[in-house]
Amino acid sequence: MLQITSEFKEKVVAALLEQRKNYSGSDSAFAKLHGIGAAVYTRLKAGERDRLLADAKWLNLGRELGVSSGERKWQMARTEVYNIIEEEVMFCKAHSKSRIFADDCGIGKTYSAKYLARSVKNCFYLDTSQCKMKNEFIRALAKAVGVGDRGRIKDIKDDTKYYLRMLPAPVVIIDEAGDMNYAAFLELKEFWNATDGCCGWYLMGADGLREKMERGMRNKKVGFAEMFSRHSERYSTAVPFERREKIEFYRKLITDVLSVNMTDKANLKAIVTRCLTADESGHIGGLRRAESLLILNS
């Protein structure tokens, strides 16, 4: 059984208090954002640790906050992908606008988004592959921004809309947006309309998101054309289309990331070359393959 050490708890609380600086809401709302009671949060701030949270909750908080429990910690690299996502998220935040980033898997989209959610004030992250259905999405969004997710759905929606309108320059990153079912997608449109001019929205996904949007507009399905228009009628991408340029893009991306995650760089070139070796279908390995190879060569 995994033991939750005092050292790990201290790291989690330190990360929690650091993230509190990036949230403009109340302590109570911040505690709800992380699924803990306001009284428990107050006691954690005061230095108490024992018997406040179950071991599973300590682990959950550690994962959310990017705290290492001793295993390899993936260091952030300022890649081209990260720079694009950061620039667009900050634009959406500053001007209450919306963008769609749809690009290949395994290029660091999710890592970049989670890093920004931890480090940028009033920046919220939601993985909709975990809340695909309408009511799941509503409750998960409420929790992500610090509103209680219990009670009547209508009340939760109204509270979330009001809260996003009241916070200074919030931005919500919706990851895996292509996984949302149609009813949940329409709810997203409703939230966008209710917070127009008050909140930025950033949709992210891979080919499935682009296909979902294109198919919806082609079939004149309600909501898709409106959402595409609200998100500047374009998809942001980082990966070039032409194969030679794509290979060079991946070479630099993987090199940039591995360079800050290797103490001994003797195998760097070999690992990058293995990542760029196409499989039977012609697919080039991305950062997930690079991480696996790094572990195997450590």
C-alpha atoms as a PDB file:
ATOM      1  CA  MET A   1       0.000   0.000   0.000  1.00  0.00           C
ATOM      2  CA  LEU A   2       1.338   3.433  -0.943  1.00  0.00           C
ATOM      3  CA  GLN A   3       2.310   5.502   2.084  1.00  0.00           C
ATOM      4  CA  ILE A   4       1.529   9.214   2.059  1.00  0.00           C
ATOM      5  CA  THR A   5       4.544  10.791   3.723  1.00  0.00           C
ATOM      6  CA  SER A   6       4.666  14.047   5.650  1.00  0.00           C
ATOM      7  CA  GLU A   7       7.072  15.368   3.025  1.00  0.00           C
ATOM      8  CA  PHE A   8       4.560  14.691   0.254  1.00  0.00           C
ATOM      9  CA  LYS A   9       1.777  16.423   2.238  1.00  0.00           C
ATOM     10  CA  GLU A  10       3.970  19.488   2.717  1.00  0.00           C
ATOM     11  CA  LYS A  11       4.673  19.629  -1.028  1.00  0.00           C
ATOM     12  CA  VAL A  12       0.956  19.389  -1.788  1.00  0.00           C
ATOM     13  CA  VAL A  13       0.004  22.142   0.666  1.00  0.00           C
ATOM     14  CA  ALA A  14       2.815  24.372  -0.620  1.00  0.00           C
ATOM     15  CA  ALA A  15       1.572  23.888  -4.202  1.00  0.00           C
ATOM     16  CA  LEU A  16      -2.012  24.511  -3.070  1.00  0.00           C
ATOM     17  CA  LEU A  17      -1.104  27.790  -1.355  1.00  0.00           C
ATOM     18  CA  GLU A  18       0.962  28.839  -4.366  1.00  0.00           C
ATOM     19  CA  GLN A  19      -1.989  28.242  -6.697  1.00  0.00           C
ATOM     20  CA  ARG A  20      -4.249  30.226  -4.359  1.00  0.00           C
ATOM     21  CA  LYS A  21      -2.356  33.320  -5.526  1.00  0.00           C
ATOM     22  CA  ASN A  22      -3.721  32.741  -9.039  1.00  0.00           C
ATOM     23  CA  TYR A  23      -7.371  32.620  -8.012  1.00  0.00           C
ATOM     24  CA  SER A  24      -9.418  35.763  -7.346  1.00  0.00           C
ATOM     25  CA  GLY A  25     -12.361  34.064  -5.650  1.00  0.00           C
ATOM     26  CA  SER A  26     -12.880  33.424  -1.950  1.00  0.00           C
ATOM     27  CA  ASP A  27     -11.092  30.787   0.123  1.00  0.00           C
ATOM     28  CA  SER A  28     -14.352  28.844   0.224  1.00  0.00           C
ATOM     29  CA  ALA A  29     -14.649  28.837  -3.583  1.00  0.00           C
ATOM     30  CA  PHE A  30     -10.982  27.909  -3.938  1.00  0.00           C
ATOM     31  CA  ALA A  31     -11.482  24.959  -1.598  1.00  0.00           C
ATOM     32  CA  LYS A  32     -14.481  23.800  -3.654  1.00  0.00           C
ATOM     33  CA  LEU A  33     -12.362  24.042  -6.795  1.00  0.00           C
ATOM     34  CA  HIS A  34     -10.117  21.355  -5.310  1.00  0.00           C
ATOM     35  CA  GLY A  35     -12.880  19.297  -3.741  1.00  0.00           C
ATOM     36  CA  ILE A  36     -12.108  20.060  -0.103  1.00  0.00           C
ATOM     37  CA  GLY A  37     -14.156  21.769   2.584  1.00  0.00           C
ATOM     38  CA  ALA A  38     -13.582  25.408   3.486  1.00  0.00           C
ATOM     39  CA  ALA A  39     -12.881  24.472   7.129  1.00  0.00           C
ATOM     40  CA  VAL A  40     -10.327  21.861   6.050  1.00  0.00           C
ATOM     41  CA  TYR A  41      -8.583  24.394   3.811  1.00  0.00           C
ATOM     42  CA  THR A  42      -8.419  26.868   6.707  1.00  0.00           C
ATOM     43  CA  ARG A  43      -6.818  24.217   8.935  1.00  0.00           C
ATOM     44  CA  LEU A  44      -4.334  23.281   6.206  1.00  0.00           C
ATOM     45  CA  LYS A  45      -3.327  26.938   5.913  1.00  0.00           C
ATOM     46  CA  ALA A  46      -2.857  27.028   9.682  1.00  0.00           C
ATOM     47  CA  GLY A  47      -0.387  24.153   9.519  1.00  0.00           C
ATOM     48  CA  GLU A  48      -2.552  21.149  10.398  1.00  0.00           C
ATOM     49  CA  ARG A  49      -2.068  17.974   8.362  1.00  0.00           C
ATOM     50  CA  ASP A  50      -3.059  14.838  10.272  1.00  0.00           C
ATOM     51  CA  ARG A  51      -6.473  13.250   9.754  1.00  0.00           C
ATOM     52  CA  LEU A  52      -7.749  16.117   7.602  1.00  0.00           C
ATOM     53  CA  LEU A  53      -7.767  14.301   4.258  1.00  0.00           C
ATOM     54  CA  ALA A  54      -7.880  10.682   3.162  1.00  0.00           C
ATOM     55  CA  ASP A  55      -4.772   9.307   1.445  1.00  0.00           C
ATOM     56  CA  ALA A  56      -6.667   9.096  -1.836  1.00  0.00           C
ATOM     57  CA  LYS A  57      -7.469  12.809  -1.621  1.00  0.00           C
ATOM     58  CA  TRP A  58      -3.824  13.713  -0.938  1.00  0.00           C
ATOM     59  CA  LEU A  59      -2.878  11.772  -4.078  1.00  0.00           C
ATOM     60  CA  ASN A  60      -5.646  13.420  -6.078  1.00  0.00           C
ATOM     61  CA  LEU A  61      -4.519  16.893  -4.988  1.00  0.00           C
ATOM     62  CA  GLY A  62      -0.914  16.038  -5.764  1.00  0.00           C
ATOM     63  CA  ARG A  63      -1.852  14.936  -9.265  1.00  0.00           C
ATOM     64  CA  GLU A  64      -3.961  18.056  -9.889  1.00  0.00           C
ATOM     65  CA  LEU A  65      -1.184  20.336  -8.669  1.00  0.00           C
ATOM     66  CA  GLY A  66       1.650  18.560 -10.471  1.00  0.00           C
ATOM     67  CA  VAL A  67       3.398  17.453  -7.294  1.00  0.00           C
ATOM     68  CA  SER A  68       5.944  14.640  -7.652  1.00  0.00           C
ATOM     69  CA  SER A  69       5.832  11.780  -5.137  1.00  0.00           C
ATOM     70  CA  GLY A  70       9.297  10.609  -6.084  1.00  0.00           C
ATOM     71  CA  GLU A  71       8.720   9.359  -9.636  1.00  0.00           C
ATOM     72  CA  ARG A  72      10.048  11.141 -12.713  1.00  0.00           C
ATOM     73  CA  LYS A  73       8.648  14.643 -13.022  1.00  0.00           C
ATOM     74  CA  TRP A  74       8.261  15.955 -16.563  1.00  0.00           C
ATOM     75  CA  GLN A  75       9.867  19.391 -16.664  1.00  0.00           C
ATOM     76  CA  MET A  76       8.204  22.151 -18.637  1.00  0.00           C
ATOM     77  CA  ALA A  77       9.932  23.142 -21.869  1.00  0.00           C
ATOM     78  CA  ARG A  78       8.990  26.321 -23.702  1.00  0.00           C
ATOM     79  CA  THR A  79       8.260  24.598 -27.010  1.00  0.00           C
ATOM     80  CA  GLU A  80       6.653  26.127 -30.088  1.00  0.00           C
ATOM     81  CA  VAL A  81       3.405  24.385 -29.118  1.00  0.00           C
ATOM     82  CA  TYR A  82       3.504  25.832 -25.619  1.00  0.00           C
ATOM     83  CA  ASN A  83       4.274  29.318 -26.939  1.00  0.00           C
ATOM     84  CA  ILE A  84       1.308  29.226 -29.347  1.00  0.00           C
ATOM     85  CA  ILE A  85      -1.109  27.980 -26.689  1.00  0.00           C
ATOM     86  CA  GLU A  86       0.166  30.455 -24.102  1.00  0.00           C
ATOM     87  CA  GLU A  87      -0.126  33.402 -26.495  1.00  0.00           C
ATOM     88  CA  GLU A  88      -3.664  32.465 -27.514  1.00  0.00           C
ATOM     89  CA  VAL A  89      -4.880  31.684 -23.997  1.00  0.00           C
ATOM     90  CA  MET A  90      -3.520  35.003 -22.731  1.00  0.00           C
ATOM     91  CA  PHE A  91      -5.188  36.807 -25.648  1.00  0.00           C
ATOM     92  CA  CYS A  92      -8.514  35.120 -24.840  1.00  0.00           C
ATOM     93  CA  LYS A  93      -8.097  36.004 -21.176  1.00  0.00           C
ATOM     94  CA  ALA A  94      -7.181  39.654 -21.781  1.00  0.00           C
ATOM     95  CA  HIS A  95      -9.924  40.324 -24.340  1.00  0.00           C
ATOM     96  CA  SER A  96     -12.630  37.771 -23.370  1.00  0.00           C
ATOM     97  CA  LYS A  97     -12.314  36.107 -26.769  1.00  0.00           C
ATOM     98  CA  SER A  98     -12.326  32.497 -27.929  1.00  0.00           C
ATOM     99  CA  ARG A  99     -10.043  30.299 -30.014  1.00  0.00           C
ATOM    100  CA  ILE A 100      -9.880  26.666 -31.159  1.00  0.00           C
ATOM    101  CA  PHE A 101      -6.585  24.756 -31.190  1.00  0.00           C
ATOM    102  CA  ALA A 102      -6.916  21.504 -33.159  1.00  0.00           C
ATOM    103  CA  ASP A 103      -3.742  19.577 -33.901  1.00  0.00           C
ATOM    104  CA  ASP A 104      -1.928  16.240 -33.683  1.00  0.00           C
ATOM    105  CA  CYS A 105      -1.892  14.059 -30.567  1.00  0.00           C
ATOM    106  CA  GLY A 106       1.263  13.842 -28.501  1.00  0.00           C
ATOM    107  CA  ILE A 107       2.631  17.359 -29.050  1.00  0.00           C
ATOM    108  CA  GLY A 108       2.110  18.679 -25.517  1.00  0.00           C
ATOM    109  CA  LYS A 109      -1.276  20.393 -25.790  1.00  0.00           C
ATOM    110  CA  THR A 110      -2.654  19.027 -22.518  1.00  0.00           C
ATOM    111  CA  TYR A 111       0.578  19.523 -20.587  1.00  0.00           C
ATOM    112  CA  SER A 112       0.738  23.149 -21.764  1.00  0.00           C
ATOM    113  CA  ALA A 113      -2.887  23.796 -20.815  1.00  0.00           C
ATOM    114  CA  LYS A 114      -2.520  22.263 -17.349  1.00  0.00           C
ATOM    115  CA  TYR A 115       0.668  24.235 -16.743  1.00  0.00           C
ATOM    116  CA  LEU A 116      -1.105  27.478 -17.651  1.00  0.00           C
ATOM    117  CA  ALA A 117      -4.065  26.596 -15.404  1.00  0.00           C
ATOM    118  CA  ARG A 118      -1.644  26.182 -12.491  1.00  0.00           C
ATOM    119  CA  SER A 119       0.372  29.321 -13.166  1.00  0.00           C
ATOM    120  CA  VAL A 120      -1.994  31.946 -14.648  1.00  0.00           C
ATOM    121  CA  LYS A 121      -4.492  33.847 -12.527  1.00  0.00           C
ATOM    122  CA  ASN A 122      -8.120  32.777 -13.027  1.00  0.00           C
ATOM    123  CA  CYS A 123      -7.220  30.264 -15.736  1.00  0.00           C
ATOM    124  CA  PHE A 124      -9.289  27.065 -15.464  1.00  0.00           C
ATOM    125  CA  TYR A 125      -8.800  23.683 -17.113  1.00  0.00           C
ATOM    126  CA  LEU A 126     -11.432  21.056 -17.898  1.00  0.00           C
ATOM    127  CA  ASP A 127     -10.872  17.669 -19.553  1.00  0.00           C
ATOM    128  CA  THR A 128     -14.192  16.919 -21.232  1.00  0.00           C
ATOM    129  CA  SER A 129     -13.191  13.345 -22.056  1.00  0.00           C
ATOM    130  CA  GLN A 130     -14.075  12.799 -18.389  1.00  0.00           C
ATOM    131  CA  CYS A 131     -17.428  14.611 -18.558  1.00  0.00           C
ATOM    132  CA  LYS A 132     -18.859  14.003 -22.032  1.00  0.00           C
ATOM    133  CA  MET A 133     -22.537  14.156 -21.109  1.00  0.00           C
ATOM    134  CA  LYS A 134     -24.572  17.308 -20.495  1.00  0.00           C
ATOM    135  CA  ASN A 135     -25.052  17.158 -16.720  1.00  0.00           C
ATOM    136  CA  GLU A 136     -21.554  15.771 -16.146  1.00  0.00           C
ATOM    137  CA  PHE A 137     -20.121  18.696 -18.079  1.00  0.00           C
ATOM    138  CA  ILE A 138     -22.151  21.285 -16.157  1.00  0.00           C
ATOM    139  CA  ARG A 139     -21.107  19.895 -12.776  1.00  0.00           C
ATOM    140  CA  ALA A 140     -17.462  19.485 -13.807  1.00  0.00           C
ATOM    141  CA  LEU A 141     -17.280  23.056 -15.116  1.00  0.00           C
ATOM    142  CA  ALA A 142     -18.812  24.366 -11.892  1.00  0.00           C
ATOM    143  CA  LYS A 143     -16.252  22.480  -9.821  1.00  0.00           C
ATOM    144  CA  ALA A 144     -13.385  23.570 -12.076  1.00  0.00           C
ATOM    145  CA  VAL A 145     -14.102  27.271 -11.487  1.00  0.00           C
ATOM    146  CA  GLY A 146     -14.869  26.909  -7.776  1.00  0.00           C
ATOM    147  CA  VAL A 147     -18.668  26.812  -7.716  1.00  0.00           C
ATOM    148  CA  GLY A 148     -20.406  24.038  -5.811  1.00  0.00           C
ATOM    149  CA  ASP A 149     -21.373  21.136  -8.077  1.00  0.00           C
ATOM    150  CA  ARG A 150     -24.226  19.844  -5.932  1.00  0.00           C
ATOM    151  CA  GLY A 151     -27.879  20.742  -6.205  1.00  0.00           C
ATOM    152  CA  ARG A 152     -30.231  21.463  -9.092  1.00  0.00           C
ATOM    153  CA  ILE A 153     -28.586  21.659 -12.502  1.00  0.00           C
ATOM    154  CA  LYS A 154     -30.268  24.988 -13.258  1.00  0.00           C
ATOM    155  CA  ASP A 155     -28.917  26.523 -10.055  1.00  0.00           C
ATOM    156  CA  ILE A 156     -25.424  25.184 -10.738  1.00  0.00           C
ATOM    157  CA  LYS A 157     -25.516  26.653 -14.261  1.00  0.00           C
ATOM    158  CA  ASP A 158     -26.741  30.037 -13.065  1.00  0.00           C
ATOM    159  CA  ASP A 159     -24.136  30.174 -10.291  1.00  0.00           C
ATOM    160  CA  THR A 160     -21.339  29.247 -12.711  1.00  0.00           C
ATOM    161  CA  LYS A 161     -22.363  31.873 -15.260  1.00  0.00           C
ATOM    162  CA  TYR A 162     -22.626  34.532 -12.551  1.00  0.00           C
ATOM    163  CA  TYR A 163     -19.268  33.565 -11.064  1.00  0.00           C
ATOM    164  CA  LEU A 164     -17.462  33.712 -14.418  1.00  0.00           C
ATOM    165  CA  ARG A 165     -18.990  37.132 -15.062  1.00  0.00           C
ATOM    166  CA  MET A 166     -17.804  38.394 -11.672  1.00  0.00           C
ATOM    167  CA  LEU A 167     -14.213  37.112 -11.737  1.00  0.00           C
ATOM    168  CA  PRO A 168     -11.602  39.471 -13.216  1.00  0.00           C
ATOM    169  CA  ALA A 169     -10.490  38.260 -16.666  1.00  0.00           C
ATOM    170  CA  PRO A 170     -11.177  34.525 -16.361  1.00  0.00           C
ATOM    171  CA  VAL A 171     -10.359  32.064 -19.137  1.00  0.00           C
ATOM    172  CA  VAL A 172     -11.579  28.458 -19.407  1.00  0.00           C
ATOM    173  CA  ILE A 173      -9.580  25.859 -21.342  1.00  0.00           C
ATOM    174  CA  ILE A 174     -11.784  23.021 -22.633  1.00  0.00           C
ATOM    175  CA  ASP A 175      -9.535  20.075 -23.478  1.00  0.00           C
ATOM    176  CA  GLU A 176     -10.617  17.054 -25.557  1.00  0.00           C
ATOM    177  CA  ALA A 177     -13.536  19.162 -26.764  1.00  0.00           C
ATOM    178  CA  GLY A 178     -14.218  16.715 -29.585  1.00  0.00           C
ATOM    179  CA  ASP A 179     -15.347  14.123 -27.007  1.00  0.00           C
ATOM    180  CA  MET A 180     -18.343  16.159 -25.834  1.00  0.00           C
ATOM    181  CA  ASN A 181     -21.722  14.838 -26.893  1.00  0.00           C
ATOM    182  CA  TYR A 182     -24.137  17.122 -28.702  1.00  0.00           C
ATOM    183  CA  ALA A 183     -26.147  18.115 -25.624  1.00  0.00           C
ATOM    184  CA  ALA A 184     -22.979  19.045 -23.705  1.00  0.00           C
ATOM    185  CA  PHE A 185     -21.740  21.000 -26.726  1.00  0.00           C
ATOM    186  CA  LEU A 186     -24.925  23.078 -26.711  1.00  0.00           C
ATOM    187  CA  GLU A 187     -24.389  23.768 -23.002  1.00  0.00           C
ATOM    188  CA  LEU A 188     -20.931  25.104 -23.844  1.00  0.00           C
ATOM    189  CA  LYS A 189     -22.551  27.439 -26.371  1.00  0.00           C
ATOM    190  CA  GLU A 190     -24.965  28.605 -23.660  1.00  0.00           C
ATOM    191  CA  PHE A 191     -22.106  29.335 -21.247  1.00  0.00           C
ATOM    192  CA  TRP A 192     -20.260  31.220 -23.973  1.00  0.00           C
ATOM    193  CA  ASN A 193     -23.318  33.373 -24.693  1.00  0.00           C
ATOM    194  CA  ALA A 194     -23.915  34.042 -20.994  1.00  0.00           C
ATOM    195  CA  THR A 195     -20.332  35.218 -20.427  1.00  0.00           C
ATOM    196  CA  ASP A 196     -19.774  37.087 -23.696  1.00  0.00           C
ATOM    197  CA  GLY A 197     -17.380  39.962 -23.042  1.00  0.00           C
ATOM    198  CA  CYS A 198     -16.561  38.693 -19.536  1.00  0.00           C
ATOM    199  CA  CYS A 199     -14.755  35.379 -20.014  1.00  0.00           C
ATOM    200  CA  GLY A 200     -12.315  33.846 -22.479  1.00  0.00           C
ATOM    201  CA  TRP A 201     -12.792  30.301 -23.816  1.00  0.00           C
ATOM    202  CA  TYR A 202     -10.143  28.087 -25.398  1.00  0.00           C
ATOM    203  CA  LEU A 203     -11.131  24.784 -27.040  1.00  0.00           C
ATOM    204  CA  MET A 204      -8.477  22.145 -27.640  1.00  0.00           C
ATOM    205  CA  GLY A 205      -8.465  18.774 -29.321  1.00  0.00           C
ATOM    206  CA  ALA A 206      -7.005  16.612 -32.053  1.00  0.00           C
ATOM    207  CA  ASP A 207      -8.458  15.572 -35.412  1.00  0.00           C
ATOM    208  CA  GLY A 208     -11.731  14.536 -33.768  1.00  0.00           C
ATOM    209  CA  LEU A 209     -12.510  18.113 -32.740  1.00  0.00           C
ATOM    210  CA  ARG A 210     -11.962  19.472 -36.226  1.00  0.00           C
ATOM    211  CA  GLU A 211     -14.024  16.651 -37.775  1.00  0.00           C
ATOM    212  CA  LYS A 212     -16.827  17.200 -35.253  1.00  0.00           C
ATOM    213  CA  MET A 213     -17.000  20.913 -36.046  1.00  0.00           C
ATOM    214  CA  GLU A 214     -16.799  20.425 -39.817  1.00  0.00           C
ATOM    215  CA  ARG A 215     -19.410  17.669 -39.837  1.00  0.00           C
ATOM    216  CA  GLY A 216     -21.758  19.699 -37.645  1.00  0.00           C
ATOM    217  CA  MET A 217     -21.516  22.735 -39.909  1.00  0.00           C
ATOM    218  CA  ARG A 218     -21.790  20.652 -43.082  1.00  0.00           C
ATOM    219  CA  ASN A 219     -24.983  19.031 -41.770  1.00  0.00           C
ATOM    220  CA  LYS A 220     -26.290  22.431 -40.580  1.00  0.00           C
ATOM    221  CA  LYS A 221     -26.638  21.103 -37.044  1.00  0.00           C
ATOM    222  CA  VAL A 222     -27.754  23.775 -34.568  1.00  0.00           C
ATOM    223  CA  GLY A 223     -24.914  25.371 -32.647  1.00  0.00           C
ATOM    224  CA  PHE A 224     -21.871  24.449 -34.720  1.00  0.00           C
ATOM    225  CA  ALA A 225     -21.772  27.399 -37.104  1.00  0.00           C
ATOM    226  CA  GLU A 226     -22.432  29.781 -34.193  1.00  0.00           C
ATOM    227  CA  MET A 227     -19.625  28.273 -32.103  1.00  0.00           C
ATOM    228  CA  PHE A 228     -17.189  28.328 -35.014  1.00  0.00           C
ATOM    229  CA  SER A 229     -18.024  31.986 -35.595  1.00  0.00           C
ATOM    230  CA  ARG A 230     -17.553  32.783 -31.895  1.00  0.00           C
ATOM    231  CA  HIS A 231     -14.143  31.116 -32.024  1.00  0.00           C
ATOM    232  CA  SER A 232     -12.839  33.360 -34.827  1.00  0.00           C
ATOM    233  CA  GLU A 233     -13.805  30.984 -37.661  1.00  0.00           C
ATOM    234  CA  ARG A 234     -10.395  29.308 -37.785  1.00  0.00           C
ATOM    235  CA  TYR A 235      -8.391  26.522 -36.177  1.00  0.00           C
ATOM    236  CA  SER A 236      -5.001  27.237 -34.686  1.00  0.00           C
ATOM    237  CA  THR A 237      -2.324  24.617 -35.374  1.00  0.00           C
ATOM    238  CA  ALA A 238       1.385  24.120 -34.800  1.00  0.00           C
ATOM    239  CA  VAL A 239       2.314  21.028 -36.843  1.00  0.00           C
ATOM    240  CA  PRO A 240       3.147  21.731 -40.517  1.00  0.00           C
ATOM    241  CA  PHE A 241       1.286  19.792 -43.191  1.00  0.00           C
ATOM    242  CA  GLU A 242       4.181  19.065 -45.581  1.00  0.00           C
ATOM    243  CA  ARG A 243       6.023  15.907 -44.470  1.00  0.00           C
ATOM    244  CA  ARG A 244       9.588  17.236 -44.522  1.00  0.00           C
ATOM    245  CA  GLU A 245       8.571  20.298 -42.503  1.00  0.00           C
ATOM    246  CA  LYS A 246       6.572  18.063 -40.145  1.00  0.00           C
ATOM    247  CA  ILE A 247       9.599  15.870 -39.434  1.00  0.00           C
ATOM    248  CA  GLU A 248      11.742  18.919 -38.668  1.00  0.00           C
ATOM    249  CA  PHE A 249       8.995  20.291 -36.414  1.00  0.00           C
ATOM    250  CA  TYR A 250       8.879  17.036 -34.442  1.00  0.00           C
ATOM    251  CA  ARG A 251      12.674  16.869 -34.307  1.00  0.00           C
ATOM    252  CA  LYS A 252      12.853  20.297 -32.662  1.00  0.00           C
ATOM    253  CA  LEU A 253       9.833  19.641 -30.406  1.00  0.00           C
ATOM    254  CA  ILE A 254      11.196  16.362 -29.053  1.00  0.00           C
ATOM    255  CA  THR A 255      14.725  17.766 -28.714  1.00  0.00           C
ATOM    256  CA  ASP A 256      13.462  20.816 -26.810  1.00  0.00           C
ATOM    257  CA  VAL A 257      11.508  18.679 -24.348  1.00  0.00           C
ATOM    258  CA  LEU A 258      14.109  15.957 -23.834  1.00  0.00           C
ATOM    259  CA  SER A 259      16.896  18.502 -23.400  1.00  0.00           C
ATOM    260  CA  VAL A 260      15.384  19.776 -20.142  1.00  0.00           C
ATOM    261  CA  ASN A 261      14.471  16.280 -18.939  1.00  0.00           C
ATOM    262  CA  MET A 262      17.812  14.501 -19.392  1.00  0.00           C
ATOM    263  CA  THR A 263      20.779  14.800 -17.094  1.00  0.00           C
ATOM    264  CA  ASP A 264      22.958  12.742 -19.437  1.00  0.00           C
ATOM    265  CA  LYS A 265      22.351  13.877 -23.016  1.00  0.00           C
ATOM    266  CA  ALA A 266      24.553  11.183 -24.590  1.00  0.00           C
ATOM    267  CA  ASN A 267      21.467   9.327 -25.893  1.00  0.00           C
ATOM    268  CA  LEU A 268      19.515  12.437 -26.903  1.00  0.00           C
ATOM    269  CA  LYS A 269      20.140  12.208 -30.652  1.00  0.00           C
ATOM    270  CA  ALA A 270      19.462   8.446 -30.732  1.00  0.00           C
ATOM    271  CA  ILE A 271      16.149   8.818 -28.873  1.00  0.00           C
ATOM    272  CA  VAL A 272      15.037  11.654 -31.159  1.00  0.00           C
ATOM    273  CA  THR A 273      15.898   9.540 -34.220  1.00  0.00           C
ATOM    274  CA  ARG A 274      13.891   6.584 -32.879  1.00  0.00           C
ATOM    275  CA  CYS A 275      10.905   8.861 -32.248  1.00  0.00           C
ATOM    276  CA  LEU A 276      11.055  10.110 -35.827  1.00  0.00           C
ATOM    277  CA  THR A 277      11.083   6.606 -37.296  1.00  0.00           C
ATOM    278  CA  ALA A 278       7.654   6.085 -38.838  1.00  0.00           C
ATOM    279  CA  ASP A 279       5.598   2.976 -38.068  1.00  0.00           C
ATOM    280  CA  GLU A 280       3.821   0.795 -40.647  1.00  0.00           C
ATOM    281  CA  SER A 281       1.117   3.421 -41.109  1.00  0.00           C
ATOM    282  CA  GLY A 282       3.637   6.222 -41.563  1.00  0.00           C
ATOM    283  CA  HIS A 283       2.919   7.748 -38.142  1.00  0.00           C
ATOM    284  CA  ILE A 284       5.764   9.652 -36.443  1.00  0.00           C
ATOM    285  CA  GLY A 285       6.130   9.252 -32.686  1.00  0.00           C
ATOM    286  CA  GLY A 286       5.406  12.284 -30.515  1.00  0.00           C
ATOM    287  CA  LEU A 287       6.178  13.267 -26.944  1.00  0.00           C
ATOM    288  CA  ARG A 288       4.477  10.233 -25.363  1.00  0.00           C
ATOM    289  CA  ARG A 289       6.813   7.938 -27.287  1.00  0.00           C
ATOM    290  CA  ALA A 290       9.758  10.187 -26.388  1.00  0.00           C
ATOM    291  CA  GLU A 291       8.913   9.925 -22.676  1.00  0.00           C
ATOM    292  CA  SER A 292       8.697   6.120 -22.882  1.00  0.00           C
ATOM    293  CA  LEU A 293      12.056   5.931 -24.654  1.00  0.00           C
ATOM    294  CA  LEU A 294      13.593   8.312 -22.109  1.00  0.00           C
ATOM    295  CA  ILE A 295      12.463   6.057 -19.248  1.00  0.00           C
ATOM    296  CA  LEU A 296      13.808   2.949 -21.021  1.00  0.00           C
ATOM    297  CA  ASN A 297      17.180   4.621 -21.602  1.00  0.00           C
ATOM    298  CA  SER A 298      17.525   6.082 -18.091  1.00  0.00           C
END
